[in-house]
Amino acid sequence: MAEQSANRGITIGMGVVILVGVAISFLVTSVGDWELSDWVVNLAGVVLAVVLFVVAGQGRALPERLAPQGQSARRLRALSIFAIVAFGLVLLIFVGAELTGGFEATDGPIAGVLAAGLVYMVGQLSDANRAIKSGG
C-alpha cells in the first residue's frame, strides 16, 4: 500500500514538473510572439500533465509493477543512475539556454518532460535500492 502511494506521488510529481515547464515558457518568453507550434507544444504539455493527474487521482500510478529482485534490481539501479545523470545534464543545458537568452517558447514543456523523466528515474532508483536493501 505504501509503495502504491509512493508511485502515485511519483506520477503527481511528473505532472507538476511538466506544468512548471509550461509556466516557465509563459513567464520568460513573450506570448505575443508565439507561433502555432509553440502553442501546440505547450498545450500538449498541459494535456500530458492533466493525464498524469487523472491517472494518479484514479488510484493508479505510472510505475505500476512489481519491485525488481536480485540481479534485475542491481541493473535497474545502474541504469537509473545513468539516466538521472543524463537527464540532469540535458536539463542543465536548458537552464544554460535560459541564462544566455536562447530559451524558446517550446523549451519549457520539453524541459518539463525531461524533468518528469528524471522524477520517474529517481522513483525507479528508489524501488531498486529498496529491493536491494530488503535482500534482493
N, C-alpha and C. Protein backbone atom coordinates (compact mmCIF):
# COMPACT_ATOMS: atom_id res chain seq x y z
N MET A 1 0.82 -1.19 0.00
CA MET A 1 0.00 0.00 0.00
C MET A 1 0.87 1.27 0.00
N ALA A 2 1.92 1.26 0.83
CA ALA A 2 2.80 2.43 0.88
C ALA A 2 3.54 2.61 -0.44
N GLU A 3 3.92 1.49 -1.06
CA GLU A 3 4.62 1.58 -2.35
C GLU A 3 3.69 2.16 -3.41
N GLN A 4 2.41 1.75 -3.40
CA GLN A 4 1.46 2.28 -4.36
C GLN A 4 1.28 3.77 -4.17
N SER A 5 1.23 4.21 -2.91
CA SER A 5 1.09 5.62 -2.61
C SER A 5 2.33 6.39 -3.08
N ALA A 6 3.51 5.81 -2.89
CA ALA A 6 4.74 6.45 -3.35
C ALA A 6 4.74 6.54 -4.87
N ASN A 7 4.29 5.50 -5.55
CA ASN A 7 4.24 5.53 -7.01
C ASN A 7 3.24 6.57 -7.50
N ARG A 8 2.12 6.73 -6.82
CA ARG A 8 1.17 7.79 -7.19
C ARG A 8 1.81 9.16 -6.98
N GLY A 9 2.62 9.29 -5.93
CA GLY A 9 3.33 10.55 -5.70
C GLY A 9 4.32 10.85 -6.81
N ILE A 10 4.97 9.81 -7.33
CA ILE A 10 5.88 9.99 -8.46
C ILE A 10 5.10 10.48 -9.68
N THR A 11 3.94 9.88 -9.92
CA THR A 11 3.11 10.28 -11.06
C THR A 11 2.67 11.73 -10.92
N ILE A 12 2.26 12.12 -9.73
CA ILE A 12 1.85 13.51 -9.49
C ILE A 12 3.05 14.44 -9.68
N GLY A 13 4.21 14.05 -9.16
CA GLY A 13 5.42 14.86 -9.32
C GLY A 13 5.78 15.06 -10.79
N MET A 14 5.57 14.01 -11.59
CA MET A 14 5.85 14.13 -13.02
C MET A 14 4.94 15.18 -13.65
N GLY A 15 3.66 15.17 -13.29
CA GLY A 15 2.73 16.16 -13.82
C GLY A 15 3.08 17.57 -13.38
N VAL A 16 3.50 17.71 -12.14
CA VAL A 16 3.86 19.03 -11.61
C VAL A 16 5.05 19.62 -12.36
N VAL A 17 6.09 18.82 -12.58
CA VAL A 17 7.27 19.39 -13.25
C VAL A 17 6.97 19.75 -14.71
N ILE A 18 6.06 19.02 -15.34
CA ILE A 18 5.67 19.41 -16.71
C ILE A 18 4.94 20.75 -16.68
N LEU A 19 4.03 20.92 -15.72
CA LEU A 19 3.33 22.21 -15.61
C LEU A 19 4.29 23.34 -15.27
N VAL A 20 5.29 23.07 -14.48
CA VAL A 20 6.29 24.10 -14.17
C VAL A 20 7.03 24.50 -15.44
N GLY A 21 7.35 23.52 -16.29
CA GLY A 21 8.00 23.83 -17.57
C GLY A 21 7.14 24.72 -18.44
N VAL A 22 5.84 24.42 -18.51
CA VAL A 22 4.93 25.26 -19.29
C VAL A 22 4.85 26.65 -18.68
N ALA A 23 4.79 26.73 -17.36
CA ALA A 23 4.73 28.04 -16.70
C ALA A 23 5.98 28.86 -16.98
N ILE A 24 7.13 28.19 -17.00
CA ILE A 24 8.38 28.90 -17.31
C ILE A 24 8.31 29.48 -18.72
N SER A 25 7.76 28.72 -19.66
CA SER A 25 7.62 29.25 -21.03
C SER A 25 6.77 30.51 -21.05
N PHE A 26 5.68 30.50 -20.28
CA PHE A 26 4.82 31.68 -20.22
C PHE A 26 5.53 32.86 -19.57
N LEU A 27 6.36 32.57 -18.59
CA LEU A 27 7.00 33.66 -17.84
C LEU A 27 8.19 34.28 -18.54
N VAL A 28 8.97 33.49 -19.26
CA VAL A 28 10.23 34.02 -19.80
C VAL A 28 10.19 34.32 -21.29
N THR A 29 9.11 33.99 -21.96
CA THR A 29 9.01 34.33 -23.38
C THR A 29 7.80 35.23 -23.59
N SER A 30 7.82 35.98 -24.65
CA SER A 30 6.72 36.87 -24.98
C SER A 30 5.62 36.07 -25.68
N VAL A 31 4.49 35.90 -25.00
CA VAL A 31 3.40 35.09 -25.54
C VAL A 31 2.88 35.67 -26.85
N GLY A 32 2.99 36.97 -27.02
CA GLY A 32 2.53 37.60 -28.26
C GLY A 32 3.33 37.17 -29.48
N ASP A 33 4.54 36.70 -29.27
CA ASP A 33 5.40 36.27 -30.37
C ASP A 33 5.30 34.79 -30.66
N TRP A 34 4.49 34.08 -29.92
CA TRP A 34 4.38 32.62 -30.11
C TRP A 34 3.75 32.29 -31.45
N GLU A 35 4.26 31.24 -32.05
CA GLU A 35 3.67 30.72 -33.28
C GLU A 35 2.76 29.56 -32.92
N LEU A 36 2.08 29.01 -33.91
CA LEU A 36 1.16 27.90 -33.67
C LEU A 36 1.87 26.71 -33.04
N SER A 37 3.07 26.42 -33.49
CA SER A 37 3.80 25.27 -32.95
C SER A 37 4.12 25.47 -31.46
N ASP A 38 4.39 26.70 -31.06
CA ASP A 38 4.65 26.98 -29.65
C ASP A 38 3.41 26.69 -28.80
N TRP A 39 2.26 27.12 -29.31
CA TRP A 39 1.01 26.87 -28.59
C TRP A 39 0.71 25.37 -28.52
N VAL A 40 0.95 24.66 -29.62
CA VAL A 40 0.66 23.22 -29.66
C VAL A 40 1.54 22.47 -28.66
N VAL A 41 2.83 22.77 -28.63
CA VAL A 41 3.74 22.07 -27.72
C VAL A 41 3.38 22.38 -26.28
N ASN A 42 3.08 23.63 -25.96
CA ASN A 42 2.71 23.97 -24.59
C ASN A 42 1.37 23.35 -24.19
N LEU A 43 0.43 23.33 -25.11
CA LEU A 43 -0.86 22.68 -24.83
C LEU A 43 -0.68 21.18 -24.63
N ALA A 44 0.19 20.57 -25.42
CA ALA A 44 0.47 19.14 -25.25
C ALA A 44 1.07 18.87 -23.87
N GLY A 45 1.93 19.77 -23.39
CA GLY A 45 2.49 19.63 -22.05
C GLY A 45 1.42 19.69 -20.99
N VAL A 46 0.48 20.64 -21.13
CA VAL A 46 -0.62 20.75 -20.16
C VAL A 46 -1.49 19.51 -20.20
N VAL A 47 -1.81 19.02 -21.39
CA VAL A 47 -2.64 17.81 -21.52
C VAL A 47 -1.95 16.62 -20.89
N LEU A 48 -0.66 16.46 -21.12
CA LEU A 48 0.08 15.35 -20.53
C LEU A 48 0.06 15.44 -19.01
N ALA A 49 0.24 16.64 -18.47
CA ALA A 49 0.20 16.81 -17.01
C ALA A 49 -1.18 16.46 -16.46
N VAL A 50 -2.23 16.89 -17.14
CA VAL A 50 -3.58 16.58 -16.69
C VAL A 50 -3.83 15.07 -16.72
N VAL A 51 -3.36 14.41 -17.76
CA VAL A 51 -3.50 12.95 -17.84
C VAL A 51 -2.80 12.28 -16.67
N LEU A 52 -1.60 12.75 -16.32
CA LEU A 52 -0.88 12.19 -15.18
C LEU A 52 -1.64 12.41 -13.88
N PHE A 53 -2.25 13.58 -13.71
CA PHE A 53 -3.03 13.86 -12.51
C PHE A 53 -4.26 12.97 -12.44
N VAL A 54 -4.92 12.77 -13.58
CA VAL A 54 -6.11 11.91 -13.61
C VAL A 54 -5.73 10.47 -13.27
N VAL A 55 -4.63 9.99 -13.84
CA VAL A 55 -4.17 8.63 -13.55
C VAL A 55 -3.91 8.47 -12.06
N ALA A 56 -3.22 9.45 -11.47
CA ALA A 56 -2.94 9.38 -10.03
C ALA A 56 -4.21 9.52 -9.21
N GLY A 57 -5.13 10.37 -9.66
CA GLY A 57 -6.39 10.56 -8.94
C GLY A 57 -7.28 9.34 -8.94
N GLN A 58 -7.14 8.49 -9.93
CA GLN A 58 -7.93 7.27 -10.01
C GLN A 58 -7.32 6.15 -9.17
N GLY A 59 -6.25 6.46 -8.46
CA GLY A 59 -5.63 5.46 -7.60
C GLY A 59 -4.62 4.59 -8.31
N ARG A 60 -4.31 4.93 -9.55
CA ARG A 60 -3.30 4.17 -10.29
C ARG A 60 -2.00 4.97 -10.30
N ALA A 61 -0.97 4.36 -10.80
CA ALA A 61 0.32 5.03 -10.87
C ALA A 61 1.03 4.61 -12.14
N LEU A 62 1.91 5.48 -12.61
CA LEU A 62 2.65 5.17 -13.82
C LEU A 62 3.62 4.01 -13.62
N PRO A 63 4.45 4.05 -12.57
CA PRO A 63 5.37 2.91 -12.40
C PRO A 63 4.72 1.75 -11.66
N GLU A 64 3.60 1.23 -12.19
CA GLU A 64 2.91 0.10 -11.55
C GLU A 64 3.54 -1.20 -12.01
N ARG A 65 4.35 -1.75 -11.15
CA ARG A 65 4.94 -3.04 -11.45
C ARG A 65 5.50 -3.60 -10.16
N LEU A 66 5.85 -4.87 -10.18
CA LEU A 66 6.42 -5.48 -9.01
C LEU A 66 7.84 -4.96 -8.79
N ALA A 67 8.26 -4.95 -7.55
CA ALA A 67 9.62 -4.50 -7.25
C ALA A 67 10.62 -5.44 -7.88
N PRO A 68 11.72 -4.92 -8.40
CA PRO A 68 12.74 -5.77 -9.00
C PRO A 68 13.38 -6.68 -7.96
N GLN A 69 13.88 -7.79 -8.40
CA GLN A 69 14.51 -8.76 -7.50
C GLN A 69 15.93 -9.06 -7.97
N GLY A 70 16.83 -9.28 -7.01
CA GLY A 70 18.16 -9.76 -7.30
C GLY A 70 18.94 -8.94 -8.30
N GLN A 71 19.42 -9.63 -9.33
CA GLN A 71 20.27 -9.01 -10.34
C GLN A 71 19.53 -7.91 -11.10
N SER A 72 18.23 -8.08 -11.33
CA SER A 72 17.49 -7.05 -12.06
C SER A 72 17.41 -5.75 -11.25
N ALA A 73 17.38 -5.85 -9.92
CA ALA A 73 17.39 -4.65 -9.08
C ALA A 73 18.72 -3.92 -9.22
N ARG A 74 19.80 -4.66 -9.29
CA ARG A 74 21.11 -4.04 -9.45
C ARG A 74 21.24 -3.38 -10.83
N ARG A 75 20.73 -4.06 -11.84
CA ARG A 75 20.76 -3.47 -13.19
C ARG A 75 19.90 -2.21 -13.25
N LEU A 76 18.71 -2.29 -12.64
CA LEU A 76 17.82 -1.13 -12.63
C LEU A 76 18.48 0.04 -11.90
N ARG A 77 19.19 -0.25 -10.82
CA ARG A 77 19.88 0.81 -10.09
C ARG A 77 20.95 1.45 -10.97
N ALA A 78 21.74 0.66 -11.64
CA ALA A 78 22.80 1.20 -12.51
C ALA A 78 22.21 2.02 -13.66
N LEU A 79 21.18 1.49 -14.29
CA LEU A 79 20.55 2.23 -15.39
C LEU A 79 19.88 3.50 -14.90
N SER A 80 19.28 3.45 -13.73
CA SER A 80 18.64 4.64 -13.16
C SER A 80 19.66 5.73 -12.89
N ILE A 81 20.79 5.35 -12.33
CA ILE A 81 21.83 6.35 -12.05
C ILE A 81 22.32 6.97 -13.35
N PHE A 82 22.55 6.15 -14.37
CA PHE A 82 22.97 6.67 -15.68
C PHE A 82 21.91 7.62 -16.24
N ALA A 83 20.65 7.22 -16.19
CA ALA A 83 19.57 8.06 -16.73
C ALA A 83 19.43 9.36 -15.95
N ILE A 84 19.59 9.30 -14.64
CA ILE A 84 19.49 10.51 -13.82
C ILE A 84 20.59 11.49 -14.21
N VAL A 85 21.79 11.00 -14.39
CA VAL A 85 22.90 11.87 -14.80
C VAL A 85 22.62 12.45 -16.19
N ALA A 86 22.16 11.62 -17.12
CA ALA A 86 21.87 12.09 -18.48
C ALA A 86 20.75 13.14 -18.49
N PHE A 87 19.65 12.85 -17.80
CA PHE A 87 18.56 13.83 -17.73
C PHE A 87 19.03 15.11 -17.06
N GLY A 88 19.83 14.98 -16.02
CA GLY A 88 20.36 16.16 -15.32
C GLY A 88 21.21 17.02 -16.22
N LEU A 89 22.07 16.40 -17.02
CA LEU A 89 22.93 17.17 -17.93
C LEU A 89 22.10 17.90 -18.99
N VAL A 90 21.11 17.24 -19.54
CA VAL A 90 20.26 17.89 -20.54
C VAL A 90 19.49 19.04 -19.92
N LEU A 91 18.99 18.85 -18.70
CA LEU A 91 18.28 19.94 -18.04
C LEU A 91 19.21 21.12 -17.75
N LEU A 92 20.46 20.83 -17.44
CA LEU A 92 21.42 21.92 -17.25
C LEU A 92 21.63 22.71 -18.54
N ILE A 93 21.60 22.03 -19.66
CA ILE A 93 21.72 22.71 -20.96
C ILE A 93 20.54 23.65 -21.16
N PHE A 94 19.33 23.20 -20.79
CA PHE A 94 18.15 24.06 -20.91
C PHE A 94 18.26 25.27 -19.98
N VAL A 95 18.76 25.06 -18.76
CA VAL A 95 18.95 26.17 -17.83
C VAL A 95 19.99 27.14 -18.40
N GLY A 96 21.03 26.60 -18.99
CA GLY A 96 22.04 27.45 -19.64
C GLY A 96 21.45 28.26 -20.77
N ALA A 97 20.53 27.67 -21.53
CA ALA A 97 19.88 28.40 -22.61
C ALA A 97 19.07 29.56 -22.06
N GLU A 98 18.42 29.35 -20.93
CA GLU A 98 17.65 30.44 -20.31
C GLU A 98 18.58 31.55 -19.83
N LEU A 99 19.69 31.17 -19.26
CA LEU A 99 20.61 32.17 -18.73
C LEU A 99 21.30 32.96 -19.83
N THR A 100 21.48 32.35 -21.00
CA THR A 100 22.14 33.06 -22.11
C THR A 100 21.15 33.74 -23.05
N GLY A 101 19.87 33.61 -22.77
CA GLY A 101 18.86 34.28 -23.59
C GLY A 101 18.42 33.48 -24.80
N GLY A 102 18.81 32.22 -24.91
CA GLY A 102 18.43 31.40 -26.06
C GLY A 102 17.23 30.51 -25.80
N PHE A 103 16.44 30.82 -24.77
CA PHE A 103 15.31 29.98 -24.38
C PHE A 103 14.13 30.25 -25.32
N GLU A 104 13.61 29.22 -25.92
CA GLU A 104 12.46 29.34 -26.83
C GLU A 104 11.18 28.97 -26.09
N ALA A 105 10.04 29.29 -26.67
CA ALA A 105 8.75 29.01 -26.03
C ALA A 105 8.49 27.52 -25.88
N THR A 106 9.05 26.70 -26.76
CA THR A 106 8.84 25.26 -26.66
C THR A 106 9.82 24.59 -25.72
N ASP A 107 10.83 25.30 -25.26
CA ASP A 107 11.83 24.70 -24.38
C ASP A 107 11.27 24.37 -23.01
N GLY A 108 10.31 25.15 -22.52
CA GLY A 108 9.73 24.91 -21.20
C GLY A 108 9.06 23.55 -21.09
N PRO A 109 8.10 23.24 -21.99
CA PRO A 109 7.46 21.93 -21.90
C PRO A 109 8.43 20.77 -22.16
N ILE A 110 9.38 20.99 -23.04
CA ILE A 110 10.36 19.93 -23.31
C ILE A 110 11.21 19.69 -22.07
N ALA A 111 11.65 20.77 -21.43
CA ALA A 111 12.41 20.63 -20.18
C ALA A 111 11.53 19.99 -19.11
N GLY A 112 10.24 20.31 -19.11
CA GLY A 112 9.32 19.70 -18.15
C GLY A 112 9.18 18.21 -18.34
N VAL A 113 9.10 17.77 -19.59
CA VAL A 113 9.02 16.34 -19.87
C VAL A 113 10.32 15.65 -19.48
N LEU A 114 11.45 16.30 -19.75
CA LEU A 114 12.73 15.73 -19.32
C LEU A 114 12.81 15.65 -17.80
N ALA A 115 12.33 16.68 -17.12
CA ALA A 115 12.31 16.65 -15.66
C ALA A 115 11.37 15.56 -15.16
N ALA A 116 10.26 15.32 -15.87
CA ALA A 116 9.35 14.23 -15.50
C ALA A 116 10.06 12.89 -15.63
N GLY A 117 10.86 12.75 -16.68
CA GLY A 117 11.66 11.53 -16.82
C GLY A 117 12.66 11.39 -15.69
N LEU A 118 13.22 12.50 -15.26
CA LEU A 118 14.14 12.50 -14.14
C LEU A 118 13.43 12.06 -12.86
N VAL A 119 12.24 12.59 -12.61
CA VAL A 119 11.46 12.19 -11.44
C VAL A 119 11.14 10.71 -11.50
N TYR A 120 10.76 10.23 -12.66
CA TYR A 120 10.45 8.80 -12.83
C TYR A 120 11.66 7.94 -12.52
N MET A 121 12.82 8.34 -13.03
CA MET A 121 14.03 7.54 -12.81
C MET A 121 14.48 7.59 -11.35
N VAL A 122 14.28 8.69 -10.67
CA VAL A 122 14.58 8.75 -9.24
C VAL A 122 13.67 7.77 -8.50
N GLY A 123 12.41 7.69 -8.91
CA GLY A 123 11.50 6.71 -8.32
C GLY A 123 11.94 5.28 -8.58
N GLN A 124 12.42 5.03 -9.79
CA GLN A 124 12.91 3.69 -10.12
C GLN A 124 14.16 3.35 -9.30
N LEU A 125 15.03 4.34 -9.11
CA LEU A 125 16.22 4.14 -8.29
C LEU A 125 15.82 3.81 -6.85
N SER A 126 14.81 4.49 -6.36
CA SER A 126 14.32 4.22 -5.01
C SER A 126 13.79 2.80 -4.90
N ASP A 127 13.02 2.36 -5.90
CA ASP A 127 12.50 0.98 -5.91
C ASP A 127 13.64 -0.03 -5.92
N ALA A 128 14.64 0.22 -6.75
CA ALA A 128 15.77 -0.70 -6.85
C ALA A 128 16.56 -0.75 -5.54
N ASN A 129 16.79 0.41 -4.95
CA ASN A 129 17.52 0.43 -3.68
C ASN A 129 16.74 -0.28 -2.58
N ARG A 130 15.42 -0.09 -2.56
CA ARG A 130 14.58 -0.76 -1.57
C ARG A 130 14.65 -2.29 -1.74
N ALA A 131 14.63 -2.75 -3.00
CA ALA A 131 14.70 -4.19 -3.25
C ALA A 131 16.06 -4.75 -2.86
N ILE A 132 17.13 -4.03 -3.14
CA ILE A 132 18.48 -4.50 -2.78
C ILE A 132 18.62 -4.52 -1.26
N LYS A 133 18.12 -3.50 -0.60
CA LYS A 133 18.23 -3.42 0.85
C LYS A 133 17.45 -4.54 1.54
N SER A 134 16.31 -4.92 0.95
CA SER A 134 15.49 -5.97 1.57
C SER A 134 16.04 -7.37 1.31
N GLY A 135 17.18 -7.44 0.66
CA GLY A 135 17.84 -8.73 0.48
C GLY A 135 17.70 -9.31 -0.91
N GLY A 136 17.26 -8.47 -1.90
CA GLY A 136 17.07 -8.94 -3.26
C GLY A 136 18.30 -9.14 -3.95
